C-alpha atoms as a PDB file:
ATOM      1  CA  MET A   1     -60.616  -4.786  56.014  1.00  0.00           C
ATOM      2  CA  GLN A   2     -60.179  -8.421  57.055  1.00  0.00           C
ATOM      3  CA  LYS A   3     -63.303 -10.547  57.485  1.00  0.00           C
ATOM      4  CA  LYS A   4     -63.685 -12.003  60.980  1.00  0.00           C
ATOM      5  CA  LEU A   5     -63.788 -15.819  61.049  1.00  0.00           C
ATOM      6  CA  LYS A   6     -66.699 -17.491  62.814  1.00  0.00           C
ATOM      7  CA  LYS A   7     -65.230 -20.023  65.225  1.00  0.00           C
ATOM      8  CA  ARG A   8     -67.087 -22.496  67.405  1.00  0.00           C
ATOM      9  CA  PHE A   9     -65.944 -25.042  69.943  1.00  0.00           C
ATOM     10  CA  ILE A  10     -66.756 -28.735  69.577  1.00  0.00           C
ATOM     11  CA  ALA A  11     -68.321 -29.812  72.877  1.00  0.00           C
ATOM     12  CA  GLY A  12     -66.841 -32.990  74.348  1.00  0.00           C
ATOM     13  CA  ALA A  13     -64.152 -33.334  71.665  1.00  0.00           C
ATOM     14  CA  VAL A  14     -60.677 -34.464  72.757  1.00  0.00           C
ATOM     15  CA  CYS A  15     -57.536 -33.203  71.022  1.00  0.00           C
ATOM     16  CA  PRO A  16     -55.622 -36.116  69.416  1.00  0.00           C
ATOM     17  CA  GLU A  17     -52.284 -34.480  70.307  1.00  0.00           C
ATOM     18  CA  CYS A  18     -52.521 -33.138  73.873  1.00  0.00           C
ATOM     19  CA  LYS A  19     -55.662 -35.098  74.927  1.00  0.00           C
ATOM     20  CA  ALA A  20     -57.284 -31.930  76.345  1.00  0.00           C
ATOM     21  CA  GLN A  21     -61.087 -31.933  76.249  1.00  0.00           C
ATOM     22  CA  ASP A  22     -63.252 -29.064  74.957  1.00  0.00           C
ATOM     23  CA  THR A  23     -60.311 -27.238  73.359  1.00  0.00           C
ATOM     24  CA  LEU A  24     -60.995 -27.899  69.660  1.00  0.00           C
ATOM     25  CA  MET A  25     -62.493 -25.099  67.614  1.00  0.00           C
ATOM     26  CA  LEU A  26     -64.006 -25.459  64.161  1.00  0.00           C
ATOM     27  CA  TYR A  27     -63.930 -22.738  61.521  1.00  0.00           C
ATOM     28  CA  MET A  28     -63.996 -22.160  57.760  1.00  0.00           C
ATOM     29  CA  GLU A  29     -61.067 -20.520  55.998  1.00  0.00           C
ATOM     30  CA  ASN A  30     -61.014 -20.086  52.207  1.00  0.00           C
ATOM     31  CA  ASN A  31     -63.851 -22.637  51.888  1.00  0.00           C
ATOM     32  CA  VAL A  32     -61.831 -25.247  53.809  1.00  0.00           C
ATOM     33  CA  GLU A  33     -63.125 -26.582  57.124  1.00  0.00           C
ATOM     34  CA  LYS A  34     -60.404 -26.458  59.781  1.00  0.00           C
ATOM     35  CA  VAL A  35     -60.067 -27.685  63.360  1.00  0.00           C
ATOM     36  CA  ARG A  36     -57.515 -26.234  65.784  1.00  0.00           C
ATOM     37  CA  CYS A  37     -56.694 -26.910  69.430  1.00  0.00           C
ATOM     38  CA  VAL A  38     -56.364 -23.729  71.481  1.00  0.00           C
ATOM     39  CA  VAL A  39     -54.000 -25.465  73.935  1.00  0.00           C
ATOM     40  CA  CYS A  40     -51.342 -27.121  71.747  1.00  0.00           C
ATOM     41  CA  SER A  41     -52.134 -25.551  68.324  1.00  0.00           C
ATOM     42  CA  TYR A  42     -52.842 -28.948  66.694  1.00  0.00           C
ATOM     43  CA  GLN A  43     -54.485 -28.347  63.302  1.00  0.00           C
ATOM     44  CA  LYS A  44     -56.370 -30.425  60.783  1.00  0.00           C
ATOM     45  CA  SER A  45     -58.041 -29.403  57.532  1.00  0.00           C
ATOM     46  CA  GLN A  46     -61.000 -31.139  55.950  1.00  0.00           C
ATOM     47  CA  VAL A  47     -61.077 -30.684  52.198  1.00  0.00           C
ATOM     48  CA  ASP A  48     -64.347 -30.527  50.320  1.00  0.00           C
ATOM     49  CA  SER A  49     -65.497 -34.013  49.283  1.00  0.00           C
ATOM     50  CA  GLN A  50     -65.577 -32.933  45.617  1.00  0.00           C
ATOM     51  CA  VAL A  51     -61.952 -31.796  45.796  1.00  0.00           C
ATOM     52  CA  GLU A  52     -60.936 -35.065  47.447  1.00  0.00           C
ATOM     53  CA  LYS A  53     -62.767 -37.142  44.827  1.00  0.00           C
ATOM     54  CA  SER A  54     -61.093 -35.325  41.946  1.00  0.00           C
ATOM     55  CA  THR A  55     -57.701 -35.682  43.644  1.00  0.00           C
ATOM     56  CA  ARG A  56     -58.159 -39.397  44.394  1.00  0.00           C
ATOM     57  CA  LYS A  57     -59.732 -40.520  41.095  1.00  0.00           C
ATOM     58  CA  ASP A  58     -56.400 -40.772  39.257  1.00  0.00           C
ATOM     59  CA  GLU A  59     -54.541 -42.674  42.005  1.00  0.00           C
ATOM     60  CA  ASN A  60     -53.587 -46.308  41.594  1.00  0.00           C
ATOM     61  CA  VAL A  61     -53.208 -48.173  44.879  1.00  0.00           C
ATOM     62  CA  ILE A  62     -50.902 -51.168  44.661  1.00  0.00           C
ATOM     63  CA  GLY A  63     -51.284 -52.308  48.234  1.00  0.00           C
ATOM     64  CA  ILE A  64     -51.540 -51.175  51.831  1.00  0.00           C
ATOM     65  CA  PHE A  65     -48.526 -51.478  54.122  1.00  0.00           C
ATOM     66  CA  LYS A  66     -49.380 -52.928  57.549  1.00  0.00           C
ATOM     67  CA  PRO A  67     -46.423 -52.811  59.955  1.00  0.00           C
ATOM     68  CA  GLY A  68     -46.024 -55.925  62.056  1.00  0.00           C
ATOM     69  CA  ALA A  69     -48.311 -58.026  59.903  1.00  0.00           C
END
């Protein structure tokens, strides 16, 4: 039996892709916070801060590319 995901809409939020308002829903899937637009299917995942820290700790940044600068 598949567990039903709890989904909630983010009031006043605007989708970065289609610019529709009040269409983004927030839910947890496999301990990862996800946002999805019900209009255009835009998706974004937010990794746990501990996972991000362990992933980023071994990176060496040489510089940041700024187009047009």
